C-alpha atoms as a PDB file:
ATOM      1  CA  UNK A   1     110.005 102.727 131.137  1.00  0.00           C
ATOM      2  CA  UNK A   2     110.882  99.897 133.509  1.00  0.00           C
ATOM      3  CA  UNK A   3     107.701  97.830 133.698  1.00  0.00           C
ATOM      4  CA  UNK A   4     108.767  96.142 136.932  1.00  0.00           C
ATOM      5  CA  UNK A   5     108.043  92.607 135.713  1.00  0.00           C
ATOM      6  CA  UNK A   6     111.541  91.328 134.934  1.00  0.00           C
ATOM      7  CA  UNK A   7     111.840  87.747 136.165  1.00  0.00           C
ATOM      8  CA  UNK A   8     108.101  87.092 135.997  1.00  0.00           C
ATOM      9  CA  UNK A   9     106.622  84.225 133.969  1.00  0.00           C
ATOM     10  CA  UNK A  10     103.875  84.389 131.350  1.00  0.00           C
ATOM     11  CA  UNK A  11     101.713  82.103 129.276  1.00  0.00           C
ATOM     12  CA  UNK A  12     100.825  83.756 125.970  1.00  0.00           C
ATOM     13  CA  UNK A  13      98.200  81.811 124.051  1.00  0.00           C
ATOM     14  CA  UNK A  14      98.137  81.682 120.239  1.00  0.00           C
ATOM     15  CA  UNK A  15     101.454  83.511 120.045  1.00  0.00           C
ATOM     16  CA  UNK A  16     103.378  82.001 117.151  1.00  0.00           C
ATOM     17  CA  UNK A  17     102.318  84.947 114.978  1.00  0.00           C
ATOM     18  CA  UNK A  18     100.128  88.038 114.845  1.00  0.00           C
ATOM     19  CA  UNK A  19      98.893  89.900 117.903  1.00  0.00           C
ATOM     20  CA  UNK A  20      99.833  87.090 120.277  1.00  0.00           C
ATOM     21  CA  UNK A  21     103.409  87.176 119.052  1.00  0.00           C
ATOM     22  CA  UNK A  22     103.477  90.946 119.456  1.00  0.00           C
ATOM     23  CA  UNK A  23     102.477  90.509 123.103  1.00  0.00           C
ATOM     24  CA  UNK A  24     105.048  87.749 123.656  1.00  0.00           C
ATOM     25  CA  UNK A  25     107.819  89.859 122.150  1.00  0.00           C
ATOM     26  CA  UNK A  26     106.978  92.912 124.264  1.00  0.00           C
ATOM     27  CA  UNK A  27     106.824  90.870 127.469  1.00  0.00           C
ATOM     28  CA  UNK A  28     110.149  89.234 126.638  1.00  0.00           C
ATOM     29  CA  UNK A  29     111.696  92.669 126.094  1.00  0.00           C
ATOM     30  CA  UNK A  30     110.506  93.522 129.607  1.00  0.00           C
ATOM     31  CA  UNK A  31     112.393  90.487 130.962  1.00  0.00           C
ATOM     32  CA  UNK A  32     109.489  88.050 131.296  1.00  0.00           C
ATOM     33  CA  UNK A  33     110.099  84.317 130.731  1.00  0.00           C
ATOM     34  CA  UNK A  34     107.571  82.890 128.308  1.00  0.00           C
ATOM     35  CA  UNK A  35     105.530  79.883 127.402  1.00  0.00           C
ATOM     36  CA  UNK A  36     104.274  80.510 123.882  1.00  0.00           C
ATOM     37  CA  UNK A  37     101.691  78.498 122.023  1.00  0.00           C
ATOM     38  CA  UNK A  38     100.533  77.588 118.551  1.00  0.00           C
ATOM     39  CA  UNK A  39      99.428  74.720 116.355  1.00  0.00           C
ATOM     40  CA  UNK A  40     101.998  75.042 113.556  1.00  0.00           C
ATOM     41  CA  UNK A  41     105.167  73.405 114.887  1.00  0.00           C
ATOM     42  CA  UNK A  42     107.761  74.916 112.502  1.00  0.00           C
ATOM     43  CA  UNK A  43     106.300  78.414 112.870  1.00  0.00           C
ATOM     44  CA  UNK A  44     106.062  78.059 116.653  1.00  0.00           C
ATOM     45  CA  UNK A  45     109.670  76.915 116.979  1.00  0.00           C
ATOM     46  CA  UNK A  46     110.927  79.734 114.723  1.00  0.00           C
ATOM     47  CA  UNK A  47     109.079  82.275 116.803  1.00  0.00           C
ATOM     48  CA  UNK A  48     110.500  80.862 120.026  1.00  0.00           C
ATOM     49  CA  UNK A  49     114.046  81.040 118.659  1.00  0.00           C
ATOM     50  CA  UNK A  50     113.547  84.577 117.313  1.00  0.00           C
ATOM     51  CA  UNK A  51     112.323  85.837 120.691  1.00  0.00           C
ATOM     52  CA  UNK A  52     115.096  84.026 122.571  1.00  0.00           C
ATOM     53  CA  UNK A  53     117.826  85.403 120.348  1.00  0.00           C
ATOM     54  CA  UNK A  54     116.506  88.971 120.403  1.00  0.00           C
ATOM     55  CA  UNK A  55     115.804  89.210 124.153  1.00  0.00           C
ATOM     56  CA  UNK A  56     117.786  86.521 125.964  1.00  0.00           C
ATOM     57  CA  UNK A  57     114.802  85.294 127.994  1.00  0.00           C
ATOM     58  CA  UNK A  58     113.682  81.692 128.391  1.00  0.00           C
ATOM     59  CA  UNK A  59     111.023  80.811 125.809  1.00  0.00           C
ATOM     60  CA  UNK A  60     109.250  77.437 125.910  1.00  0.00           C
ATOM     61  CA  UNK A  61     107.101  76.565 122.879  1.00  0.00           C
ATOM     62  CA  UNK A  62     104.050  74.387 123.508  1.00  0.00           C
ATOM     63  CA  UNK A  63     102.303  72.856 120.514  1.00  0.00           C
ATOM     64  CA  UNK A  64      98.668  72.662 121.601  1.00  0.00           C
ATOM     65  CA  UNK A  65      95.068  73.570 120.883  1.00  0.00           C
ATOM     66  CA  UNK A  66      94.054  75.637 123.901  1.00  0.00           C
ATOM     67  CA  UNK A  67      90.389  74.968 123.161  1.00  0.00           C
ATOM     68  CA  UNK A  68      90.897  71.439 124.490  1.00  0.00           C
ATOM     69  CA  UNK A  69      91.519  70.250 128.068  1.00  0.00           C
ATOM     70  CA  UNK A  70      94.640  68.467 126.818  1.00  0.00           C
ATOM     71  CA  UNK A  71      96.005  71.648 125.280  1.00  0.00           C
ATOM     72  CA  UNK A  72      95.410  73.639 128.441  1.00  0.00           C
ATOM     73  CA  UNK A  73      97.070  70.911 130.522  1.00  0.00           C
ATOM     74  CA  UNK A  74     100.138  71.058 128.268  1.00  0.00           C
ATOM     75  CA  UNK A  75     100.460  74.810 128.781  1.00  0.00           C
ATOM     76  CA  UNK A  76     100.168  74.529 132.546  1.00  0.00           C
ATOM     77  CA  UNK A  77     102.604  71.613 132.653  1.00  0.00           C
ATOM     78  CA  UNK A  78     105.170  73.922 131.050  1.00  0.00           C
ATOM     79  CA  UNK A  79     104.307  76.808 133.395  1.00  0.00           C
ATOM     80  CA  UNK A  80     102.286  75.635 136.431  1.00  0.00           C
ATOM     81  CA  UNK A  81     102.096  79.030 138.182  1.00  0.00           C
ATOM     82  CA  UNK A  82     102.255  81.898 135.676  1.00  0.00           C
ATOM     83  CA  UNK A  83     102.337  85.476 136.906  1.00  0.00           C
ATOM     84  CA  UNK A  84     100.810  86.633 133.629  1.00  0.00           C
ATOM     85  CA  UNK A  85      98.221  85.022 131.358  1.00  0.00           C
ATOM     86  CA  UNK A  86      97.414  86.379 127.909  1.00  0.00           C
ATOM     87  CA  UNK A  87      94.232  84.753 126.638  1.00  0.00           C
ATOM     88  CA  UNK A  88      94.071  84.708 122.857  1.00  0.00           C
ATOM     89  CA  UNK A  89      92.645  82.432 120.179  1.00  0.00           C
ATOM     90  CA  UNK A  90      91.553  82.552 116.585  1.00  0.00           C
ATOM     91  CA  UNK A  91      87.910  83.224 115.875  1.00  0.00           C
ATOM     92  CA  UNK A  92      85.236  81.485 113.793  1.00  0.00           C
ATOM     93  CA  UNK A  93      85.341  82.161 110.037  1.00  0.00           C
ATOM     94  CA  UNK A  94      83.165  84.756 108.301  1.00  0.00           C
ATOM     95  CA  UNK A  95      79.682  83.296 107.933  1.00  0.00           C
ATOM     96  CA  UNK A  96      76.115  84.533 107.662  1.00  0.00           C
ATOM     97  CA  UNK A  97      74.400  83.942 111.014  1.00  0.00           C
ATOM     98  CA  UNK A  98      71.668  81.908 109.272  1.00  0.00           C
ATOM     99  CA  UNK A  99      74.253  79.306 108.307  1.00  0.00           C
ATOM    100  CA  UNK A 100      75.611  78.688 111.811  1.00  0.00           C
ATOM    101  CA  UNK A 101      74.414  75.386 113.236  1.00  0.00           C
ATOM    102  CA  UNK A 102      74.551  74.246 116.860  1.00  0.00           C
ATOM    103  CA  UNK A 103      77.917  72.520 116.461  1.00  0.00           C
ATOM    104  CA  UNK A 104      79.492  75.686 115.058  1.00  0.00           C
ATOM    105  CA  UNK A 105      77.895  77.783 117.799  1.00  0.00           C
ATOM    106  CA  UNK A 106      79.360  75.621 120.537  1.00  0.00           C
ATOM    107  CA  UNK A 107      82.763  75.518 118.859  1.00  0.00           C
ATOM    108  CA  UNK A 108      82.818  79.322 118.556  1.00  0.00           C
ATOM    109  CA  UNK A 109      81.899  79.756 122.206  1.00  0.00           C
ATOM    110  CA  UNK A 110      84.609  77.305 123.234  1.00  0.00           C
ATOM    111  CA  UNK A 111      87.260  79.079 121.177  1.00  0.00           C
ATOM    112  CA  UNK A 112      86.503  82.656 122.148  1.00  0.00           C
ATOM    113  CA  UNK A 113      84.866  82.473 125.576  1.00  0.00           C
ATOM    114  CA  UNK A 114      85.063  79.165 127.404  1.00  0.00           C
ATOM    115  CA  UNK A 115      88.788  78.465 126.905  1.00  0.00           C
ATOM    116  CA  UNK A 116      89.783  81.827 128.396  1.00  0.00           C
ATOM    117  CA  UNK A 117      87.489  81.275 131.373  1.00  0.00           C
ATOM    118  CA  UNK A 118      88.884  77.780 131.979  1.00  0.00           C
ATOM    119  CA  UNK A 119      92.494  78.962 131.900  1.00  0.00           C
ATOM    120  CA  UNK A 120      91.657  81.865 134.198  1.00  0.00           C
ATOM    121  CA  UNK A 121      90.014  79.471 136.672  1.00  0.00           C
ATOM    122  CA  UNK A 122      93.222  77.442 136.793  1.00  0.00           C
ATOM    123  CA  UNK A 123      95.668  80.302 137.434  1.00  0.00           C
ATOM    124  CA  UNK A 124      93.820  83.072 139.256  1.00  0.00           C
ATOM    125  CA  UNK A 125      93.839  81.728 142.823  1.00  0.00           C
ATOM    126  CA  UNK A 126      97.595  80.990 142.868  1.00  0.00           C
ATOM    127  CA  UNK A 127      98.123  84.523 141.529  1.00  0.00           C
ATOM    128  CA  UNK A 128      96.007  85.915 144.361  1.00  0.00           C
ATOM    129  CA  UNK A 129      97.924  83.935 146.974  1.00  0.00           C
ATOM    130  CA  UNK A 130     101.222  85.308 145.663  1.00  0.00           C
ATOM    131  CA  UNK A 131      99.840  88.847 145.603  1.00  0.00           C
ATOM    132  CA  UNK A 132     100.491  89.497 141.920  1.00  0.00           C
ATOM    133  CA  UNK A 133      98.722  88.528 138.729  1.00  0.00           C
ATOM    134  CA  UNK A 134      97.932  90.008 135.354  1.00  0.00           C
ATOM    135  CA  UNK A 135      95.361  88.525 132.978  1.00  0.00           C
ATOM    136  CA  UNK A 136      94.780  90.135 129.604  1.00  0.00           C
ATOM    137  CA  UNK A 137      92.106  88.886 127.225  1.00  0.00           C
ATOM    138  CA  UNK A 138      92.537  89.726 123.554  1.00  0.00           C
ATOM    139  CA  UNK A 139      88.987  90.168 122.295  1.00  0.00           C
ATOM    140  CA  UNK A 140      87.995  92.461 119.406  1.00  0.00           C
ATOM    141  CA  UNK A 141      86.682  95.909 118.574  1.00  0.00           C
ATOM    142  CA  UNK A 142      83.600  94.015 117.354  1.00  0.00           C
ATOM    143  CA  UNK A 143      82.598  93.712 121.020  1.00  0.00           C
ATOM    144  CA  UNK A 144      81.701  97.412 120.789  1.00  0.00           C
ATOM    145  CA  UNK A 145      80.953  97.593 117.066  1.00  0.00           C
ATOM    146  CA  UNK A 146      79.696  94.236 115.730  1.00  0.00           C
ATOM    147  CA  UNK A 147      80.711  93.179 112.228  1.00  0.00           C
ATOM    148  CA  UNK A 148      78.153  91.391 110.058  1.00  0.00           C
ATOM    149  CA  UNK A 149      79.346  87.893 109.277  1.00  0.00           C
ATOM    150  CA  UNK A 150      81.426  87.704 112.450  1.00  0.00           C
ATOM    151  CA  UNK A 151      78.402  87.547 114.743  1.00  0.00           C
ATOM    152  CA  UNK A 152      79.531  84.375 116.514  1.00  0.00           C
ATOM    153  CA  UNK A 153      82.971  85.807 117.246  1.00  0.00           C
ATOM    154  CA  UNK A 154      81.446  89.086 118.456  1.00  0.00           C
ATOM    155  CA  UNK A 155      78.906  87.312 120.651  1.00  0.00           C
ATOM    156  CA  UNK A 156      81.400  84.923 122.252  1.00  0.00           C
ATOM    157  CA  UNK A 157      83.909  87.700 122.971  1.00  0.00           C
ATOM    158  CA  UNK A 158      81.164  89.920 124.375  1.00  0.00           C
ATOM    159  CA  UNK A 159      80.169  87.052 126.649  1.00  0.00           C
ATOM    160  CA  UNK A 160      83.770  86.716 127.823  1.00  0.00           C
ATOM    161  CA  UNK A 161      83.891  90.455 128.479  1.00  0.00           C
ATOM    162  CA  UNK A 162      80.794  90.357 130.677  1.00  0.00           C
ATOM    163  CA  UNK A 163      81.939  87.237 132.522  1.00  0.00           C
ATOM    164  CA  UNK A 164      85.377  88.666 133.292  1.00  0.00           C
ATOM    165  CA  UNK A 165      83.943  91.987 134.431  1.00  0.00           C
ATOM    166  CA  UNK A 166      82.584  90.299 137.540  1.00  0.00           C
ATOM    167  CA  UNK A 167      85.646  88.127 138.099  1.00  0.00           C
ATOM    168  CA  UNK A 168      87.978  91.144 137.926  1.00  0.00           C
ATOM    169  CA  UNK A 169      86.274  92.768 140.912  1.00  0.00           C
ATOM    170  CA  UNK A 170      86.593  89.614 143.012  1.00  0.00           C
ATOM    171  CA  UNK A 171      90.386  89.428 142.782  1.00  0.00           C
ATOM    172  CA  UNK A 172      91.391  93.094 142.549  1.00  0.00           C
ATOM    173  CA  UNK A 173      92.234  93.324 146.260  1.00  0.00           C
ATOM    174  CA  UNK A 174      94.920  90.646 145.769  1.00  0.00           C
ATOM    175  CA  UNK A 175      96.761  92.725 143.145  1.00  0.00           C
ATOM    176  CA  UNK A 176      95.387  90.569 140.351  1.00  0.00           C
ATOM    177  CA  UNK A 177      94.050  92.555 137.412  1.00  0.00           C
ATOM    178  CA  UNK A 178      91.943  91.393 134.473  1.00  0.00           C
ATOM    179  CA  UNK A 179      91.636  93.636 131.429  1.00  0.00           C
ATOM    180  CA  UNK A 180      90.660  93.271 127.790  1.00  0.00           C
ATOM    181  CA  UNK A 181      92.406  94.509 124.655  1.00  0.00           C
ATOM    182  CA  UNK A 182      90.070  95.212 121.741  1.00  0.00           C
ATOM    183  CA  UNK A 183      91.987  95.305 118.448  1.00  0.00           C
ATOM    184  CA  UNK A 184      90.618  96.873 115.317  1.00  0.00           C
ATOM    185  CA  UNK A 185      92.410  96.478 111.982  1.00  0.00           C
ATOM    186  CA  UNK A 186      95.992  95.320 112.453  1.00  0.00           C
ATOM    187  CA  UNK A 187      98.544  94.266 109.883  1.00  0.00           C
ATOM    188  CA  UNK A 188      98.444  90.525 110.546  1.00  0.00           C
ATOM    189  CA  UNK A 189      98.172  87.456 108.341  1.00  0.00           C
ATOM    190  CA  UNK A 190      94.647  86.825 109.619  1.00  0.00           C
ATOM    191  CA  UNK A 191      93.540  90.356 108.778  1.00  0.00           C
ATOM    192  CA  UNK A 192      95.123  90.173 105.332  1.00  0.00           C
ATOM    193  CA  UNK A 193      93.340  86.904 104.579  1.00  0.00           C
ATOM    194  CA  UNK A 194      90.098  88.562 105.679  1.00  0.00           C
ATOM    195  CA  UNK A 195      90.633  91.405 103.216  1.00  0.00           C
ATOM    196  CA  UNK A 196      91.331  88.918 100.425  1.00  0.00           C
ATOM    197  CA  UNK A 197      88.074  87.121 101.208  1.00  0.00           C
ATOM    198  CA  UNK A 198      86.215  90.448 101.337  1.00  0.00           C
ATOM    199  CA  UNK A 199      87.605  91.447  97.944  1.00  0.00           C
ATOM    200  CA  UNK A 200      86.349  88.210  96.434  1.00  0.00           C
ATOM    201  CA  UNK A 201      82.893  88.633  97.944  1.00  0.00           C
ATOM    202  CA  UNK A 202      82.678  92.196  96.632  1.00  0.00           C
ATOM    203  CA  UNK A 203      84.317  91.243  93.306  1.00  0.00           C
ATOM    204  CA  UNK A 204      86.965  93.934  93.632  1.00  0.00           C
ATOM    205  CA  UNK A 205      90.748  93.820  93.683  1.00  0.00           C
ATOM    206  CA  UNK A 206      92.701  93.246  96.871  1.00  0.00           C
ATOM    207  CA  UNK A 207      94.191  96.715  96.453  1.00  0.00           C
ATOM    208  CA  UNK A 208      90.743  98.317  96.360  1.00  0.00           C
ATOM    209  CA  UNK A 209      89.627  96.304  99.385  1.00  0.00           C
ATOM    210  CA  UNK A 210      92.689  97.547 101.262  1.00  0.00           C
ATOM    211  CA  UNK A 211      92.014 101.141 100.229  1.00  0.00           C
ATOM    212  CA  UNK A 212      88.416 100.871 101.446  1.00  0.00           C
ATOM    213  CA  UNK A 213      89.577  99.475 104.766  1.00  0.00           C
ATOM    214  CA  UNK A 214      92.095 102.268 105.261  1.00  0.00           C
ATOM    215  CA  UNK A 215      89.553 104.924 104.307  1.00  0.00           C
ATOM    216  CA  UNK A 216      87.338 103.816 107.217  1.00  0.00           C
ATOM    217  CA  UNK A 217      90.152 104.266 109.761  1.00  0.00           C
ATOM    218  CA  UNK A 218      90.727 107.855 110.959  1.00  0.00           C
ATOM    219  CA  UNK A 219      94.431 107.086 111.496  1.00  0.00           C
ATOM    220  CA  UNK A 220      94.608 106.029 107.810  1.00  0.00           C
ATOM    221  CA  UNK A 221      96.801 103.043 108.565  1.00  0.00           C
ATOM    222  CA  UNK A 222      96.635  99.580 110.051  1.00  0.00           C
ATOM    223  CA  UNK A 223      97.959  98.961 113.543  1.00  0.00           C
ATOM    224  CA  UNK A 224     101.222  97.125 114.106  1.00  0.00           C
ATOM    225  CA  UNK A 225     101.704  94.073 116.256  1.00  0.00           C
ATOM    226  CA  UNK A 226     104.558  95.887 118.006  1.00  0.00           C
ATOM    227  CA  UNK A 227     102.378  98.708 119.323  1.00  0.00           C
ATOM    228  CA  UNK A 228      99.679  96.251 120.301  1.00  0.00           C
ATOM    229  CA  UNK A 229     102.237  94.202 122.221  1.00  0.00           C
ATOM    230  CA  UNK A 230     103.604  97.214 124.062  1.00  0.00           C
ATOM    231  CA  UNK A 231     100.094  98.138 125.217  1.00  0.00           C
ATOM    232  CA  UNK A 232      99.646  94.587 126.482  1.00  0.00           C
ATOM    233  CA  UNK A 233     102.977  94.710 128.306  1.00  0.00           C
ATOM    234  CA  UNK A 234     101.962  97.921 130.061  1.00  0.00           C
ATOM    235  CA  UNK A 235      98.736  96.313 131.288  1.00  0.00           C
ATOM    236  CA  UNK A 236     100.908  93.540 132.752  1.00  0.00           C
ATOM    237  CA  UNK A 237     103.260  95.987 134.470  1.00  0.00           C
ATOM    238  CA  UNK A 238     103.436  97.128 138.073  1.00  0.00           C
ATOM    239  CA  UNK A 239     102.245 100.538 136.869  1.00  0.00           C
ATOM    240  CA  UNK A 240      98.814  99.217 135.836  1.00  0.00           C
ATOM    241  CA  UNK A 241      97.835  97.715 139.181  1.00  0.00           C
ATOM    242  CA  UNK A 242      94.936 100.138 139.642  1.00  0.00           C
ATOM    243  CA  UNK A 243      93.430  99.362 136.223  1.00  0.00           C
ATOM    244  CA  UNK A 244      91.121  96.374 136.144  1.00  0.00           C
ATOM    245  CA  UNK A 245      87.919  95.298 134.426  1.00  0.00           C
ATOM    246  CA  UNK A 246      88.602  97.676 131.533  1.00  0.00           C
ATOM    247  CA  UNK A 247      88.242  97.386 127.758  1.00  0.00           C
ATOM    248  CA  UNK A 248      91.128  99.067 125.940  1.00  0.00           C
ATOM    249  CA  UNK A 249      90.228  99.833 122.333  1.00  0.00           C
ATOM    250  CA  UNK A 250      93.067  99.980 119.781  1.00  0.00           C
ATOM    251  CA  UNK A 251      91.454 100.776 116.447  1.00  0.00           C
ATOM    252  CA  UNK A 252      92.942 104.012 115.110  1.00  0.00           C
ATOM    253  CA  UNK A 253      89.780 105.907 116.041  1.00  0.00           C
ATOM    254  CA  UNK A 254      87.362 103.743 114.018  1.00  0.00           C
ATOM    255  CA  UNK A 255      84.777 103.449 116.787  1.00  0.00           C
ATOM    256  CA  UNK A 256      83.127 106.848 116.650  1.00  0.00           C
ATOM    257  CA  UNK A 257      82.116 107.206 120.284  1.00  0.00           C
ATOM    258  CA  UNK A 258      83.076 109.412 123.204  1.00  0.00           C
ATOM    259  CA  UNK A 259      82.701 106.585 125.737  1.00  0.00           C
END
């Protein structure tokens, strides 16, 4: 399918690996020029070169922490007027809610709610003036099905979801859409490290922890970053212009609900 976005520009946050990289790769395959982002310089530069060589598009790596004003400024200096913004960031570590102090609370909110709002504020009006914009927020299936120990991540992402629901309706008439992708269990380094930590807490092997995780997924497998990225690219396409303010769950059927 021709997504109709060849020649567009995109900022993809936290995209040196994992789900962010999957989104960057899929957009590049659709002909979108990229600014990608990470905090590990060698990994970021390898990713940029891999995407360039496999797709032929322009890929600009920006080493930055998007949770900071300086990091956001660096992204926008590299791409002042993006057509597409993919908001993504790592979440707070697993922790019992009783152990989260005020500093950690504010840091979690900044990482998973405030940064995405700030970047959206900076790009949404130019998108509206040009008559095209696509903003996709990568949140989590925990927005719908909270996970004990990840309460701060779930709460911050749920706050972002509610905030963006109102914003999406304000800009829809300008052909600017805002949607959320809610990943479940995907085969990423972050997810694998989470399973290792879970195995240690439960005093079981990593293999058994993996088997337990798979048993809870109706699809009986983990998602791939490629299929996640292709879903993101579709939301950014000309074909998704009538879809806005929606939460797209990709979890292999784990959330057992009809709505």
